[in-house]
């Protein structure tokens, strides 16, 4: 059993002799975020200039960038020009361009991920350009990039596939070498904090207009809980007929949402931008 307590996650087990539950350990969200920063220093980094930033009106968005600004990185398997294309946009969904083709192979198994603007500026001709970096071997912690009316329900079949001990769940955890794919935390340190769980990674096929299950990912139980609550918070965002945000929930009051910000290295406005983008899909 996993319970939240003062910004930490309290693991408990039933002890018959004690006639109730006994506390095993606490795993703080700061510890999970620290693991993420450590993995970022150890894992491979993808750094590149944004391709296609001069086309389709993207210059106006590029002119407003800042160094350190979070960005959204999303696969486009239905792209008619390149099925391996990976797009780059702001957290609010404003298009910036694409990852160059020689770097997309590292991002084919991630679904949704995030990165950071490392530099930007103008050329002598007056065109804006920018460079970004990301960690292709670490998953981001965000809302699934699916249209609101097409978000898959937790069917009995999917729950069975994700259940602890199922063949597909075990394969996902073994494929991740028994480590969380978001924070890099090993399963041994998570054994008293809910362990590792298999979380579905979804993909939206714009051509077939259908949702596809890309794969199951290994995720620490507290992070999986934060991701689930993030989706519920997104569903509470109210939009007007033009798709503009009318009411935005206050996510910072929730420890799980603080955990999302800590993992992604976001501010509260960054989180709100991501929620508004997901709500408009």
Protein backbone atom coordinates (compact mmCIF):
# COMPACT_ATOMS: atom_id res chain seq x y z
CA UNK A 1 0.00 0.00 0.00
CA UNK A 2 1.30 3.47 -0.93
CA UNK A 3 0.18 6.59 0.91
CA UNK A 4 1.24 10.21 0.48
CA UNK A 5 2.52 11.94 3.60
CA UNK A 6 3.91 15.50 3.79
CA UNK A 7 5.53 15.46 0.36
CA UNK A 8 6.85 11.93 0.75
CA UNK A 9 5.50 8.52 -0.12
CA UNK A 10 4.90 6.18 2.78
CA UNK A 11 4.99 2.44 2.09
CA UNK A 12 3.10 0.13 4.41
CA UNK A 13 2.51 -3.61 4.65
CA UNK A 14 0.08 -5.68 6.64
CA UNK A 15 1.65 -7.35 9.68
CA UNK A 16 -0.66 -10.00 11.21
CA UNK A 17 1.24 -10.15 14.49
CA UNK A 18 1.02 -6.39 14.84
CA UNK A 19 -2.69 -6.59 13.97
CA UNK A 20 -2.45 -3.89 11.32
CA UNK A 21 -0.19 -2.05 8.93
CA UNK A 22 3.37 -1.11 9.79
CA UNK A 23 5.42 1.63 8.14
CA UNK A 24 8.39 0.44 6.11
CA UNK A 25 10.08 3.57 4.74
CA UNK A 26 9.65 7.02 3.28
CA UNK A 27 10.71 7.97 -0.24
CA UNK A 28 10.74 11.75 -0.68
CA UNK A 29 9.88 13.38 -3.99
CA UNK A 30 13.14 15.33 -3.65
CA UNK A 31 14.96 12.00 -3.72
CA UNK A 32 13.24 10.99 -6.94
CA UNK A 33 14.06 14.37 -8.49
CA UNK A 34 17.68 14.02 -7.34
CA UNK A 35 17.84 10.62 -9.04
CA UNK A 36 16.55 12.23 -12.24
CA UNK A 37 19.26 14.94 -12.14
CA UNK A 38 21.89 12.27 -11.52
CA UNK A 39 20.68 10.22 -14.48
CA UNK A 40 20.74 13.29 -16.70
CA UNK A 41 24.44 13.66 -15.94
CA UNK A 42 25.11 9.99 -16.66
CA UNK A 43 22.90 9.24 -19.65
CA UNK A 44 23.45 10.33 -23.22
CA UNK A 45 22.34 13.80 -24.27
CA UNK A 46 20.99 14.79 -27.68
CA UNK A 47 21.91 18.34 -28.67
CA UNK A 48 20.97 19.87 -32.03
CA UNK A 49 19.80 22.92 -33.89
CA UNK A 50 16.08 23.06 -34.68
CA UNK A 51 15.42 22.14 -38.31
CA UNK A 52 12.72 23.93 -40.28
CA UNK A 53 12.48 26.87 -37.87
CA UNK A 54 12.31 29.34 -40.78
CA UNK A 55 9.13 27.89 -42.29
CA UNK A 56 5.37 28.07 -41.71
CA UNK A 57 5.40 31.18 -39.54
CA UNK A 58 7.67 29.70 -36.85
CA UNK A 59 9.97 32.74 -36.81
CA UNK A 60 7.56 34.73 -34.64
CA UNK A 61 7.60 31.99 -32.00
CA UNK A 62 11.39 31.59 -32.27
CA UNK A 63 11.89 35.31 -31.59
CA UNK A 64 10.23 34.92 -28.19
CA UNK A 65 12.36 32.02 -26.94
CA UNK A 66 14.67 32.22 -23.96
CA UNK A 67 17.65 30.16 -22.90
CA UNK A 68 16.54 27.45 -20.45
CA UNK A 69 12.95 27.42 -21.72
CA UNK A 70 11.35 23.94 -21.61
CA UNK A 71 10.17 22.51 -24.92
CA UNK A 72 7.91 19.64 -25.98
CA UNK A 73 9.29 16.86 -28.20
CA UNK A 74 6.79 14.60 -29.94
CA UNK A 75 7.05 11.79 -32.50
CA UNK A 76 5.01 12.16 -35.69
CA UNK A 77 4.65 8.63 -37.12
CA UNK A 78 1.89 9.84 -39.45
CA UNK A 79 4.04 12.60 -40.98
CA UNK A 80 3.62 12.18 -44.78
CA UNK A 81 7.19 13.34 -45.48
CA UNK A 82 9.00 11.30 -42.84
CA UNK A 83 7.39 8.67 -40.56
CA UNK A 84 10.37 9.01 -38.20
CA UNK A 85 9.87 12.77 -37.81
CA UNK A 86 10.11 14.24 -34.29
CA UNK A 87 8.59 17.69 -33.82
CA UNK A 88 9.63 20.44 -31.42
CA UNK A 89 7.21 22.98 -29.96
CA UNK A 90 6.77 25.16 -26.90
CA UNK A 91 4.99 23.65 -23.90
CA UNK A 92 1.86 25.49 -25.00
CA UNK A 93 2.02 23.76 -28.40
CA UNK A 94 3.43 26.51 -30.65
CA UNK A 95 5.45 24.77 -33.41
CA UNK A 96 9.17 25.50 -33.65
CA UNK A 97 10.42 22.85 -36.09
CA UNK A 98 11.94 19.38 -35.99
CA UNK A 99 14.81 17.31 -34.68
CA UNK A 100 17.27 16.82 -37.60
CA UNK A 101 16.87 13.43 -39.28
CA UNK A 102 20.21 12.11 -38.06
CA UNK A 103 19.01 12.44 -34.46
CA UNK A 104 15.50 11.04 -34.63
CA UNK A 105 16.49 7.37 -34.26
CA UNK A 106 17.20 7.91 -30.55
CA UNK A 107 13.66 9.16 -29.92
CA UNK A 108 11.58 6.47 -31.62
CA UNK A 109 10.63 4.66 -28.41
CA UNK A 110 9.83 7.58 -26.12
CA UNK A 111 6.39 8.80 -27.16
CA UNK A 112 6.31 12.22 -25.47
CA UNK A 113 9.45 13.81 -24.04
CA UNK A 114 10.73 17.24 -23.07
CA UNK A 115 13.86 19.25 -23.69
CA UNK A 116 15.39 22.67 -23.12
CA UNK A 117 16.44 25.62 -25.28
CA UNK A 118 20.23 25.90 -25.04
CA UNK A 119 20.75 28.94 -27.31
CA UNK A 120 18.98 31.14 -29.82
CA UNK A 121 19.76 34.19 -31.93
CA UNK A 122 19.53 35.90 -35.30
CA UNK A 123 21.64 35.36 -38.39
CA UNK A 124 22.99 38.23 -40.50
CA UNK A 125 19.97 37.82 -42.76
CA UNK A 126 17.67 38.41 -39.80
CA UNK A 127 16.36 34.86 -39.41
CA UNK A 128 16.01 33.42 -35.94
CA UNK A 129 17.58 30.08 -35.07
CA UNK A 130 17.75 28.01 -31.92
CA UNK A 131 19.47 24.96 -30.46
CA UNK A 132 17.96 22.53 -27.96
CA UNK A 133 18.98 19.52 -25.93
CA UNK A 134 17.13 16.58 -24.40
CA UNK A 135 17.74 13.21 -22.76
CA UNK A 136 16.46 10.60 -25.26
CA UNK A 137 16.97 7.68 -22.90
CA UNK A 138 14.81 9.16 -20.12
CA UNK A 139 11.04 9.48 -20.34
CA UNK A 140 9.33 12.75 -19.56
CA UNK A 141 6.53 12.95 -17.01
CA UNK A 142 3.54 14.53 -18.73
CA UNK A 143 0.08 14.10 -20.22
CA UNK A 144 -0.32 11.59 -23.03
CA UNK A 145 -0.44 13.40 -26.43
CA UNK A 146 -3.94 12.22 -27.34
CA UNK A 147 -7.12 14.04 -28.37
CA UNK A 148 -9.35 14.50 -25.33
CA UNK A 149 -12.23 12.49 -26.79
CA UNK A 150 -9.89 9.64 -27.76
CA UNK A 151 -8.15 9.02 -24.47
CA UNK A 152 -8.21 5.27 -23.88
CA UNK A 153 -10.15 3.86 -20.98
CA UNK A 154 -8.47 1.47 -18.56
CA UNK A 155 -9.98 -1.65 -20.11
CA UNK A 156 -9.84 -4.98 -18.33
CA UNK A 157 -7.42 -6.28 -20.99
CA UNK A 158 -5.02 -3.35 -20.49
CA UNK A 159 -5.20 -3.62 -16.72
CA UNK A 160 -4.35 -7.30 -17.03
CA UNK A 161 -1.38 -6.55 -19.30
CA UNK A 162 -0.07 -3.89 -16.88
CA UNK A 163 -0.73 -5.93 -13.73
CA UNK A 164 2.21 -6.74 -11.49
CA UNK A 165 3.62 -10.13 -12.46
CA UNK A 166 2.01 -10.30 -15.91
CA UNK A 167 4.30 -11.41 -18.76
CA UNK A 168 4.20 -8.02 -20.51
CA UNK A 169 4.73 -6.13 -17.25
CA UNK A 170 7.73 -8.31 -16.35
CA UNK A 171 9.14 -7.86 -19.85
CA UNK A 172 8.83 -4.06 -19.55
CA UNK A 173 10.61 -4.01 -16.18
CA UNK A 174 13.34 -6.35 -17.40
CA UNK A 175 13.75 -4.28 -20.56
CA UNK A 176 14.40 -1.24 -18.39
CA UNK A 177 16.92 -3.27 -16.34
CA UNK A 178 14.63 -3.00 -13.31
CA UNK A 179 15.03 0.79 -13.16
CA UNK A 180 12.50 3.59 -13.48
CA UNK A 181 12.61 5.01 -17.03
CA UNK A 182 11.84 8.52 -15.74
CA UNK A 183 14.13 8.92 -12.72
CA UNK A 184 16.53 6.01 -13.14
CA UNK A 185 15.78 4.86 -9.59
CA UNK A 186 16.57 1.12 -9.26
CA UNK A 187 13.85 -1.28 -8.18
CA UNK A 188 15.76 -2.22 -5.01
CA UNK A 189 15.34 1.31 -3.63
CA UNK A 190 11.67 1.33 -4.60
CA UNK A 191 10.74 -1.97 -2.99
CA UNK A 192 9.26 -0.25 0.06
CA UNK A 193 7.69 2.61 -1.91
CA UNK A 194 5.34 0.82 -4.25
CA UNK A 195 8.05 -0.63 -6.50
CA UNK A 196 8.12 -0.39 -10.27
CA UNK A 197 4.90 -0.53 -12.27
CA UNK A 198 4.22 -0.90 -15.99
CA UNK A 199 2.67 2.24 -17.47
CA UNK A 200 1.26 2.39 -21.03
CA UNK A 201 2.92 4.75 -23.52
CA UNK A 202 0.26 5.89 -26.00
CA UNK A 203 0.55 7.21 -29.53
CA UNK A 204 -2.01 9.03 -31.68
CA UNK A 205 -2.14 8.06 -35.36
CA UNK A 206 -3.46 11.13 -37.20
CA UNK A 207 -3.90 9.22 -40.49
CA UNK A 208 -5.81 6.26 -39.08
CA UNK A 209 -7.45 8.46 -36.44
CA UNK A 210 -6.86 5.90 -33.75
CA UNK A 211 -4.95 5.38 -30.53
CA UNK A 212 -2.09 2.89 -30.50
CA UNK A 213 -0.27 1.42 -27.52
CA UNK A 214 3.41 2.09 -28.27
CA UNK A 215 4.73 -0.03 -25.38
CA UNK A 216 4.72 -0.46 -21.61
CA UNK A 217 7.26 1.59 -19.67
CA UNK A 218 8.76 0.90 -16.24
CA UNK A 219 7.95 3.70 -13.81
CA UNK A 220 8.30 4.21 -10.07
CA UNK A 221 4.89 3.90 -8.40
CA UNK A 222 4.92 7.50 -7.04
CA UNK A 223 5.65 8.82 -10.53
CA UNK A 224 2.91 6.66 -12.05
CA UNK A 225 0.48 8.08 -9.46
CA UNK A 226 1.60 11.62 -10.32
CA UNK A 227 1.08 10.94 -14.03
CA UNK A 228 -2.43 9.60 -13.41
CA UNK A 229 -3.37 12.64 -11.33
CA UNK A 230 -1.87 14.92 -13.97
CA UNK A 231 -4.32 13.45 -16.49
CA UNK A 232 -7.23 14.08 -14.10
CA UNK A 233 -6.08 17.67 -13.56
CA UNK A 234 -5.89 18.19 -17.31
CA UNK A 235 -9.44 16.89 -17.70
CA UNK A 236 -10.60 19.63 -15.30
CA UNK A 237 -9.26 22.42 -17.54
CA UNK A 238 -12.19 24.33 -19.05
CA UNK A 239 -11.93 25.74 -22.58
CA UNK A 240 -14.14 28.14 -24.52
CA UNK A 241 -15.38 27.56 -28.08
CA UNK A 242 -12.12 28.96 -29.50
CA UNK A 243 -10.05 26.54 -27.44
CA UNK A 244 -8.82 29.18 -25.02
CA UNK A 245 -8.42 28.30 -21.34
CA UNK A 246 -11.28 29.62 -19.21
CA UNK A 247 -10.57 27.82 -15.94
CA UNK A 248 -7.23 26.33 -14.94
CA UNK A 249 -7.07 24.14 -11.81
CA UNK A 250 -4.49 25.10 -9.20
CA UNK A 251 -2.09 22.12 -9.46
CA UNK A 252 0.67 23.49 -7.21
CA UNK A 253 -1.40 22.67 -4.10
CA UNK A 254 -0.98 18.98 -4.85
CA UNK A 255 2.27 17.18 -3.92
CA UNK A 256 2.02 15.00 -7.03
CA UNK A 257 2.02 18.09 -9.25
CA UNK A 258 5.04 19.44 -7.39
CA UNK A 259 6.70 16.12 -8.17
CA UNK A 260 5.93 16.59 -11.89
CA UNK A 261 7.59 20.02 -11.77
CA UNK A 262 10.61 18.70 -9.87
CA UNK A 263 11.15 15.80 -12.29
CA UNK A 264 10.81 17.95 -15.43
CA UNK A 265 12.61 20.93 -13.87
CA UNK A 266 9.55 23.12 -14.52
CA UNK A 267 8.02 26.16 -12.91
CA UNK A 268 4.29 26.40 -12.16
CA UNK A 269 3.64 28.43 -15.36
CA UNK A 270 5.44 25.70 -17.33
CA UNK A 271 3.12 23.09 -15.85
CA UNK A 272 0.05 25.19 -16.63
CA UNK A 273 1.18 25.61 -20.24
CA UNK A 274 1.56 21.86 -20.59
CA UNK A 275 -1.91 21.24 -19.11
CA UNK A 276 -3.50 23.78 -21.46
CA UNK A 277 -1.75 22.16 -24.46
CA UNK A 278 -3.00 18.71 -23.51
CA UNK A 279 -6.53 19.99 -22.91
CA UNK A 280 -6.68 21.54 -26.40
CA UNK A 281 -5.72 18.35 -28.26
